[in-house]
């Protein structure tokens, strides 16, 4: 293919897995380990290397045409960010080769290329030079960059005082005004507020219309569906699908069911409970994923605990397809006192009549302990709410009927005359 922007052949990245004992080795320990390696057999050394390394990405093969928008999707740890770092030359592949045609801009991590002690103004020039812009080019685009970032009053403040959202605004503004032929965007945009995310998406579409190539990593499938006609689906470091977005999202959604939500941190309080199944059921107890507006929905949770979980708060959150959070049901808030749960069992939530507008929704299931620590957080699955008229584009998130009172202007005036008014 002659009109490609990016070509990858057999690309892999292997990292060394740091062993606990390596973190505090003394000089004596290092020498002893070296001597052991000298006398160890080749087979033993190879086995040790295999145990102490892992492949973040392996045997990736693809070509991306000029002007294509491609989504990179996968669960946490699938190798998405590793792939973008290889493409942006932040790191080099262990195996294979990558060919890039055109000027490349990348926004992969908050504050990449920024110096904390420098002001926003100084960092615009610093980051611009890192991306390959001349000082004259940055100066010519400076006002447009600051206008886009919307942080003019803080531009002479050291960026160490910036919030993560301000970092993203400024970094994206610089990267975007590079006028890149290829733009790489990681999940970092999720740090910004919704209005700025939409602004970035619109700007990316403008770049697309100019013929730019865009690679976009996100857990927000609505954004992927909106931005991309093609997706590359990574699973455990390997490409398992490369093709039309709709087909790729179906595979991703099937694999993501019961997977951890992106914000779950197991190190916070440990995983003491997990959900082995989540079912949506109607009033007749039948499993379904389509509910009519005004219908009650049952969410049946099958769980398994590691030991006894004291005073758990079971929460079921519903998010619209664009990741707008709509509501959360909480056993604690709803007055259901659970002294403890242990072993295996079933918990069922019956919602009030659903007044969500017609759209696709995701159910997330979270458990917190009495101190508010998160013990589990899993994606429960997706369901549709159906209504002929109430759509999100017109009616928002939910719809409730109001009480209306109408009086003709003439009758109001007559009433005022009878009451001696005027």
Protein backbone atom coordinates (compact mmCIF):
# COMPACT_ATOMS: atom_id res chain seq x y z
CA UNK A 1 0.00 0.00 0.00
CA UNK A 2 1.67 3.21 -1.20
CA UNK A 3 -0.63 5.78 0.43
CA UNK A 4 -0.06 4.71 4.03
CA UNK A 5 0.67 7.10 6.90
CA UNK A 6 1.72 4.38 9.36
CA UNK A 7 2.99 0.88 8.66
CA UNK A 8 3.83 -1.65 11.39
CA UNK A 9 5.38 -5.04 10.72
CA UNK A 10 5.90 -7.65 13.44
CA UNK A 11 6.11 -4.99 16.15
CA UNK A 12 6.60 -6.18 19.71
CA UNK A 13 7.69 -4.64 22.99
CA UNK A 14 9.13 -6.67 25.84
CA UNK A 15 9.72 -5.26 29.31
CA UNK A 16 11.69 -6.61 32.23
CA UNK A 17 9.54 -7.49 35.20
CA UNK A 18 11.27 -5.96 38.24
CA UNK A 19 11.74 -8.54 40.96
CA UNK A 20 11.21 -7.50 44.57
CA UNK A 21 14.72 -8.66 45.50
CA UNK A 22 16.26 -6.44 42.80
CA UNK A 23 14.97 -3.22 44.30
CA UNK A 24 17.36 -3.06 47.25
CA UNK A 25 20.37 -5.14 46.12
CA UNK A 26 23.70 -4.26 47.65
CA UNK A 27 26.93 -4.31 45.61
CA UNK A 28 27.68 -7.71 47.14
CA UNK A 29 24.31 -9.05 45.98
CA UNK A 30 24.85 -7.74 42.45
CA UNK A 31 28.31 -9.38 42.24
CA UNK A 32 26.95 -12.66 43.60
CA UNK A 33 24.12 -12.66 41.07
CA UNK A 34 26.61 -11.97 38.26
CA UNK A 35 28.80 -14.89 39.32
CA UNK A 36 25.76 -17.19 39.46
CA UNK A 37 24.83 -16.12 35.92
CA UNK A 38 28.38 -16.85 34.67
CA UNK A 39 28.17 -20.46 35.82
CA UNK A 40 24.50 -21.03 35.04
CA UNK A 41 23.70 -23.05 31.93
CA UNK A 42 22.39 -21.31 28.82
CA UNK A 43 19.04 -23.07 29.27
CA UNK A 44 18.77 -21.88 32.89
CA UNK A 45 19.59 -18.29 31.87
CA UNK A 46 16.97 -18.41 29.12
CA UNK A 47 14.34 -19.77 31.52
CA UNK A 48 15.17 -17.01 34.01
CA UNK A 49 14.87 -14.35 31.29
CA UNK A 50 11.46 -15.69 30.27
CA UNK A 51 10.23 -15.59 33.86
CA UNK A 52 11.53 -12.06 34.42
CA UNK A 53 10.09 -10.46 31.26
CA UNK A 54 6.68 -9.91 29.72
CA UNK A 55 5.41 -8.80 26.33
CA UNK A 56 3.30 -5.64 26.50
CA UNK A 57 2.79 -5.90 22.74
CA UNK A 58 3.55 -8.75 20.35
CA UNK A 59 3.57 -9.30 16.59
CA UNK A 60 1.49 -6.24 15.67
CA UNK A 61 0.91 -5.88 11.93
CA UNK A 62 -1.20 -3.11 10.37
CA UNK A 63 -1.23 -0.24 7.90
CA UNK A 64 -3.16 2.99 8.30
CA UNK A 65 -3.99 5.12 5.27
CA UNK A 66 -3.54 8.85 5.07
CA UNK A 67 -6.65 10.62 6.34
CA UNK A 68 -7.95 7.60 8.29
CA UNK A 69 -9.37 7.87 11.82
CA UNK A 70 -8.63 4.68 13.73
CA UNK A 71 -9.68 3.80 17.28
CA UNK A 72 -7.38 1.68 19.46
CA UNK A 73 -9.53 -0.24 21.94
CA UNK A 74 -8.97 -2.89 24.59
CA UNK A 75 -9.31 -3.55 28.30
CA UNK A 76 -6.78 -2.20 30.82
CA UNK A 77 -3.31 -3.65 30.22
CA UNK A 78 -4.07 -4.67 26.63
CA UNK A 79 -1.11 -2.72 25.21
CA UNK A 80 -2.87 0.37 23.81
CA UNK A 81 -0.62 3.00 25.39
CA UNK A 82 2.48 0.90 24.63
CA UNK A 83 1.52 0.91 20.95
CA UNK A 84 1.13 4.70 20.88
CA UNK A 85 4.48 5.18 22.65
CA UNK A 86 6.14 3.02 20.01
CA UNK A 87 4.46 4.95 17.20
CA UNK A 88 5.47 8.30 18.73
CA UNK A 89 9.07 7.03 19.20
CA UNK A 90 9.01 7.59 22.97
CA UNK A 91 10.29 4.01 23.17
CA UNK A 92 11.69 1.60 20.56
CA UNK A 93 10.25 -1.80 19.64
CA UNK A 94 11.95 -5.01 20.78
CA UNK A 95 10.97 -6.67 17.51
CA UNK A 96 9.67 -5.50 14.16
CA UNK A 97 9.67 -2.15 12.41
CA UNK A 98 7.49 0.98 12.17
CA UNK A 99 7.38 3.39 9.24
CA UNK A 100 5.86 6.86 9.64
CA UNK A 101 5.11 9.23 6.78
CA UNK A 102 4.39 12.83 7.73
CA UNK A 103 4.62 15.18 10.68
CA UNK A 104 3.47 13.48 13.88
CA UNK A 105 1.95 15.06 16.98
CA UNK A 106 1.17 13.07 20.11
CA UNK A 107 -0.67 13.73 23.36
CA UNK A 108 -0.09 10.65 25.48
CA UNK A 109 0.38 11.68 29.12
CA UNK A 110 -0.56 14.70 31.18
CA UNK A 111 2.30 17.21 31.08
CA UNK A 112 4.56 15.21 28.77
CA UNK A 113 7.23 17.65 27.56
CA UNK A 114 6.39 20.28 30.21
CA UNK A 115 8.82 21.59 32.82
CA UNK A 116 7.09 22.12 36.15
CA UNK A 117 9.12 25.20 37.12
CA UNK A 118 8.46 27.05 33.86
CA UNK A 119 5.37 29.13 33.14
CA UNK A 120 2.65 28.12 30.72
CA UNK A 121 4.04 30.63 28.18
CA UNK A 122 7.55 29.19 28.42
CA UNK A 123 6.24 25.64 28.20
CA UNK A 124 4.33 26.42 25.01
CA UNK A 125 7.65 27.23 23.32
CA UNK A 126 9.43 24.27 25.00
CA UNK A 127 6.76 21.72 24.08
CA UNK A 128 6.41 23.17 20.59
CA UNK A 129 10.14 22.70 19.98
CA UNK A 130 9.95 19.11 21.26
CA UNK A 131 7.18 18.46 18.74
CA UNK A 132 9.35 19.87 15.96
CA UNK A 133 8.01 23.43 15.61
CA UNK A 134 10.37 26.36 15.13
CA UNK A 135 10.27 29.26 17.59
CA UNK A 136 8.96 31.48 14.80
CA UNK A 137 6.14 29.01 14.09
CA UNK A 138 5.17 28.79 17.78
CA UNK A 139 5.18 32.59 18.08
CA UNK A 140 2.91 32.93 15.03
CA UNK A 141 0.42 30.44 16.52
CA UNK A 142 0.78 31.48 20.16
CA UNK A 143 -2.43 33.53 20.43
CA UNK A 144 -4.45 30.77 18.76
CA UNK A 145 -2.95 28.17 21.14
CA UNK A 146 -3.82 30.20 24.25
CA UNK A 147 -7.29 31.01 22.93
CA UNK A 148 -7.95 27.31 22.34
CA UNK A 149 -6.62 26.29 25.78
CA UNK A 150 -8.79 28.93 27.53
CA UNK A 151 -6.21 29.59 30.28
CA UNK A 152 -5.04 33.10 29.30
CA UNK A 153 -5.09 34.50 32.85
CA UNK A 154 -2.76 31.70 34.06
CA UNK A 155 -0.37 31.66 31.10
CA UNK A 156 2.42 33.31 33.12
CA UNK A 157 1.93 31.03 36.12
CA UNK A 158 4.36 28.09 36.65
CA UNK A 159 2.65 24.93 35.41
CA UNK A 160 3.42 23.12 38.68
CA UNK A 161 0.41 25.06 40.01
CA UNK A 162 -1.84 23.88 37.16
CA UNK A 163 -4.55 21.30 37.65
CA UNK A 164 -4.40 18.16 35.49
CA UNK A 165 -7.23 19.62 33.41
CA UNK A 166 -5.23 22.80 32.71
CA UNK A 167 -2.21 20.68 31.74
CA UNK A 168 -4.35 18.81 29.20
CA UNK A 169 -5.87 21.97 27.77
CA UNK A 170 -2.48 23.54 27.11
CA UNK A 171 -0.77 20.36 25.91
CA UNK A 172 -3.58 19.52 23.48
CA UNK A 173 -3.67 23.09 22.18
CA UNK A 174 0.07 22.98 21.37
CA UNK A 175 -0.08 19.49 19.81
CA UNK A 176 -3.13 20.35 17.72
CA UNK A 177 -1.64 23.60 16.38
CA UNK A 178 1.40 21.70 15.17
CA UNK A 179 -0.84 21.06 12.13
CA UNK A 180 0.21 17.41 12.22
CA UNK A 181 -0.21 14.94 9.40
CA UNK A 182 -0.69 12.29 12.11
CA UNK A 183 -2.18 12.91 15.57
CA UNK A 184 -1.98 10.34 18.37
CA UNK A 185 -4.41 10.80 21.26
CA UNK A 186 -4.39 8.70 24.40
CA UNK A 187 -7.03 8.46 27.15
CA UNK A 188 -5.47 11.62 28.63
CA UNK A 189 -8.36 13.66 27.15
CA UNK A 190 -10.64 12.09 29.76
CA UNK A 191 -9.02 14.41 32.32
CA UNK A 192 -10.58 17.49 30.72
CA UNK A 193 -14.15 18.60 31.30
CA UNK A 194 -16.89 17.49 28.91
CA UNK A 195 -17.10 20.82 27.07
CA UNK A 196 -13.35 20.79 26.38
CA UNK A 197 -13.47 17.13 25.30
CA UNK A 198 -16.14 18.04 22.76
CA UNK A 199 -14.05 20.98 21.59
CA UNK A 200 -11.09 18.64 21.07
CA UNK A 201 -13.25 16.17 19.15
CA UNK A 202 -14.51 18.93 16.87
CA UNK A 203 -10.94 20.11 16.30
CA UNK A 204 -9.87 16.53 15.49
CA UNK A 205 -12.68 16.35 12.92
CA UNK A 206 -11.37 19.55 11.34
CA UNK A 207 -7.93 17.94 11.08
CA UNK A 208 -9.58 14.89 9.52
CA UNK A 209 -11.25 17.06 6.89
CA UNK A 210 -7.81 18.49 6.08
CA UNK A 211 -6.58 14.94 5.47
CA UNK A 212 -4.83 14.28 8.81
CA UNK A 213 -4.53 10.73 10.17
CA UNK A 214 -5.78 10.27 13.75
CA UNK A 215 -5.21 7.37 16.15
CA UNK A 216 -7.44 7.59 19.18
CA UNK A 217 -7.27 5.50 22.37
CA UNK A 218 -10.32 5.67 24.61
CA UNK A 219 -12.56 3.63 26.92
CA UNK A 220 -15.43 5.85 25.79
CA UNK A 221 -17.03 3.77 23.06
CA UNK A 222 -19.38 6.61 22.15
CA UNK A 223 -16.37 8.76 21.22
CA UNK A 224 -14.82 5.87 19.29
CA UNK A 225 -18.08 5.31 17.43
CA UNK A 226 -18.37 9.02 16.65
CA UNK A 227 -14.75 9.54 15.57
CA UNK A 228 -13.65 6.31 13.92
CA UNK A 229 -14.73 4.12 11.02
CA UNK A 230 -12.14 1.49 11.91
CA UNK A 231 -10.86 0.02 15.17
CA UNK A 232 -7.85 -2.04 16.17
CA UNK A 233 -8.81 -4.23 19.13
CA UNK A 234 -5.92 -5.29 21.40
CA UNK A 235 -6.20 -8.14 23.85
CA UNK A 236 -3.30 -9.20 26.10
CA UNK A 237 -0.81 -7.41 23.87
CA UNK A 238 -2.00 -8.84 20.55
CA UNK A 239 -4.27 -7.55 17.80
CA UNK A 240 -7.39 -9.74 17.78
CA UNK A 241 -9.48 -7.59 15.44
CA UNK A 242 -8.81 -4.91 12.84
CA UNK A 243 -11.83 -3.71 10.90
CA UNK A 244 -15.18 -1.86 10.96
CA UNK A 245 -15.96 -0.04 14.21
CA UNK A 246 -19.41 -1.57 14.79
CA UNK A 247 -18.09 -5.12 14.57
CA UNK A 248 -15.08 -4.38 16.77
CA UNK A 249 -17.23 -2.75 19.46
CA UNK A 250 -19.44 -5.84 19.66
CA UNK A 251 -16.38 -7.97 20.43
CA UNK A 252 -15.12 -5.43 22.97
CA UNK A 253 -18.47 -5.20 24.75
CA UNK A 254 -18.71 -8.99 25.01
CA UNK A 255 -15.21 -9.17 26.51
CA UNK A 256 -15.69 -6.18 28.82
CA UNK A 257 -18.76 -7.62 30.56
CA UNK A 258 -17.78 -8.28 34.21
CA UNK A 259 -14.35 -6.70 33.58
CA UNK A 260 -13.08 -4.16 36.11
CA UNK A 261 -14.23 -0.58 35.61
CA UNK A 262 -11.27 1.61 34.58
CA UNK A 263 -11.19 3.50 37.89
CA UNK A 264 -11.05 0.44 40.17
CA UNK A 265 -7.79 0.31 42.13
CA UNK A 266 -7.36 -3.08 43.78
CA UNK A 267 -4.52 -1.77 45.94
CA UNK A 268 -6.91 0.58 47.79
CA UNK A 269 -8.62 -2.04 49.92
CA UNK A 270 -8.10 -5.35 48.15
CA UNK A 271 -10.54 -7.42 46.12
CA UNK A 272 -12.71 -9.13 48.73
CA UNK A 273 -15.78 -9.61 46.54
CA UNK A 274 -16.41 -10.16 42.84
CA UNK A 275 -19.53 -10.51 40.73
CA UNK A 276 -19.72 -13.70 38.68
CA UNK A 277 -22.84 -12.72 36.73
CA UNK A 278 -25.08 -9.70 36.18
CA UNK A 279 -28.50 -10.15 34.59
CA UNK A 280 -31.19 -7.66 33.57
CA UNK A 281 -34.71 -9.02 34.07
CA UNK A 282 -38.21 -7.68 33.43
CA UNK A 283 -41.26 -7.83 35.75
CA UNK A 284 -41.86 -11.46 34.72
CA UNK A 285 -38.33 -12.44 35.70
CA UNK A 286 -37.29 -12.94 32.08
CA UNK A 287 -33.76 -11.95 31.09
CA UNK A 288 -33.67 -9.09 28.57
CA UNK A 289 -31.58 -6.10 27.51
CA UNK A 290 -34.43 -3.95 26.18
CA UNK A 291 -36.81 -2.05 28.49
CA UNK A 292 -39.62 0.29 27.58
CA UNK A 293 -39.72 3.81 29.01
CA UNK A 294 -41.62 3.59 32.33
CA UNK A 295 -40.85 -0.10 32.82
CA UNK A 296 -39.17 -1.35 36.00
CA UNK A 297 -35.87 -3.15 35.58
CA UNK A 298 -34.42 -5.87 37.75
CA UNK A 299 -30.64 -6.14 38.14
CA UNK A 300 -29.69 -9.58 39.46
CA UNK A 301 -26.15 -9.77 40.88
CA UNK A 302 -24.42 -13.07 41.62
CA UNK A 303 -21.44 -12.59 43.91
CA UNK A 304 -18.59 -14.50 45.49
CA UNK A 305 -16.58 -13.21 48.44
CA UNK A 306 -13.11 -13.84 49.79
CA UNK A 307 -14.01 -14.09 53.45
CA UNK A 308 -16.59 -12.01 55.29
CA UNK A 309 -17.40 -8.50 54.05
CA UNK A 310 -18.76 -6.32 56.84
CA UNK A 311 -21.52 -3.72 56.22
CA UNK A 312 -21.13 -3.53 52.43
CA UNK A 313 -22.73 -0.79 50.37
CA UNK A 314 -23.82 -2.27 47.02
CA UNK A 315 -24.08 0.36 44.30
CA UNK A 316 -25.49 0.05 40.79
CA UNK A 317 -24.67 2.99 38.52
CA UNK A 318 -26.23 3.69 35.12
CA UNK A 319 -24.27 5.61 32.47
CA UNK A 320 -25.50 6.76 29.09
CA UNK A 321 -23.58 5.64 26.00
CA UNK A 322 -21.58 8.89 25.93
CA UNK A 323 -20.47 8.20 29.57
CA UNK A 324 -22.86 10.76 31.05
CA UNK A 325 -23.59 9.43 34.54
CA UNK A 326 -27.36 9.24 34.98
CA UNK A 327 -28.03 7.76 38.41
CA UNK A 328 -26.74 5.47 41.15
CA UNK A 329 -28.73 3.10 43.34
CA UNK A 330 -27.12 2.40 46.72
CA UNK A 331 -28.23 -0.24 49.21
CA UNK A 332 -27.04 1.99 52.07
CA UNK A 333 -28.72 5.16 50.81
CA UNK A 334 -31.90 3.24 49.99
CA UNK A 335 -32.15 2.08 53.60
CA UNK A 336 -31.13 -1.57 53.15
CA UNK A 337 -28.82 -2.48 56.03
CA UNK A 338 -26.56 -5.43 55.18
CA UNK A 339 -24.67 -6.49 58.33
CA UNK A 340 -22.35 -8.64 56.20
CA UNK A 341 -22.17 -10.89 53.17
CA UNK A 342 -20.07 -14.03 52.88
CA UNK A 343 -19.56 -16.87 50.43
CA UNK A 344 -21.77 -16.96 47.35
CA UNK A 345 -25.22 -15.49 46.85
CA UNK A 346 -27.57 -13.31 44.85
CA UNK A 347 -28.56 -9.67 45.38
CA UNK A 348 -31.34 -8.19 43.27
CA UNK A 349 -32.19 -4.55 42.70
CA UNK A 350 -35.64 -3.58 41.39
CA UNK A 351 -35.56 -0.06 39.98
CA UNK A 352 -38.49 2.36 40.01
CA UNK A 353 -40.13 2.90 36.59
CA UNK A 354 -37.30 3.92 34.25
CA UNK A 355 -37.73 7.50 33.09
CA UNK A 356 -34.47 7.51 31.13
CA UNK A 357 -34.87 8.64 27.53
CA UNK A 358 -34.46 6.24 24.63
CA UNK A 359 -30.74 5.33 24.40
CA UNK A 360 -28.08 2.72 25.17
CA UNK A 361 -26.86 2.50 28.78
CA UNK A 362 -24.09 0.76 30.72
CA UNK A 363 -24.54 -0.69 34.20
CA UNK A 364 -21.56 -0.58 36.58
CA UNK A 365 -21.57 -2.46 39.88
CA UNK A 366 -19.48 -1.18 42.80
CA UNK A 367 -19.07 -2.34 46.40
CA UNK A 368 -17.72 -0.09 49.14
CA UNK A 369 -17.03 -0.99 52.75
CA UNK A 370 -18.16 0.92 55.83
CA UNK A 371 -15.18 3.29 55.50
CA UNK A 372 -15.97 4.06 51.86
CA UNK A 373 -13.13 1.99 50.41
CA UNK A 374 -13.87 0.42 47.04
CA UNK A 375 -13.85 -3.40 47.28
CA UNK A 376 -15.07 -4.14 43.76
CA UNK A 377 -15.96 -2.31 40.58
CA UNK A 378 -17.13 -4.20 37.51
CA UNK A 379 -18.89 -3.50 34.23
CA UNK A 380 -22.26 -5.22 34.53
CA UNK A 381 -23.34 -4.98 30.91
CA UNK A 382 -25.42 -2.79 28.59
CA UNK A 383 -29.14 -2.35 28.01
CA UNK A 384 -31.49 -0.23 25.89
CA UNK A 385 -34.40 1.95 26.96
CA UNK A 386 -37.03 2.18 24.24
CA UNK A 387 -39.44 5.02 23.44
CA UNK A 388 -40.78 6.28 20.12
CA UNK A 389 -40.33 10.00 20.91
CA UNK A 390 -38.08 10.59 23.93
CA UNK A 391 -34.55 10.66 22.48
CA UNK A 392 -31.40 12.04 24.13
CA UNK A 393 -30.77 14.65 21.44
CA UNK A 394 -34.05 16.43 22.30
CA UNK A 395 -35.07 15.36 25.81
CA UNK A 396 -31.77 15.12 27.72
CA UNK A 397 -31.21 12.28 30.20
CA UNK A 398 -34.67 11.55 31.60
CA UNK A 399 -38.22 12.76 31.22
CA UNK A 400 -40.91 13.31 33.85
CA UNK A 401 -44.34 14.73 33.07
CA UNK A 402 -44.97 18.13 34.63
CA UNK A 403 -48.27 19.67 35.77
CA UNK A 404 -49.51 22.41 33.45
CA UNK A 405 -52.08 25.18 33.91
CA UNK A 406 -53.24 27.27 30.96
CA UNK A 407 -55.45 30.37 30.99
CA UNK A 408 -56.36 32.50 28.01
CA UNK A 409 -55.23 36.14 28.31
CA UNK A 410 -58.86 37.37 27.83
CA UNK A 411 -60.19 35.30 30.75
CA UNK A 412 -57.42 36.61 33.00
CA UNK A 413 -58.35 40.22 32.20
CA UNK A 414 -62.08 39.58 32.85
CA UNK A 415 -61.23 37.98 36.17
CA UNK A 416 -59.17 41.02 37.20
CA UNK A 417 -62.11 43.41 36.34
CA UNK A 418 -64.57 41.33 38.38
CA UNK A 419 -62.18 41.46 41.33
CA UNK A 420 -62.03 45.27 41.06
CA UNK A 421 -58.47 45.33 39.83
CA UNK A 422 -57.47 48.14 37.44
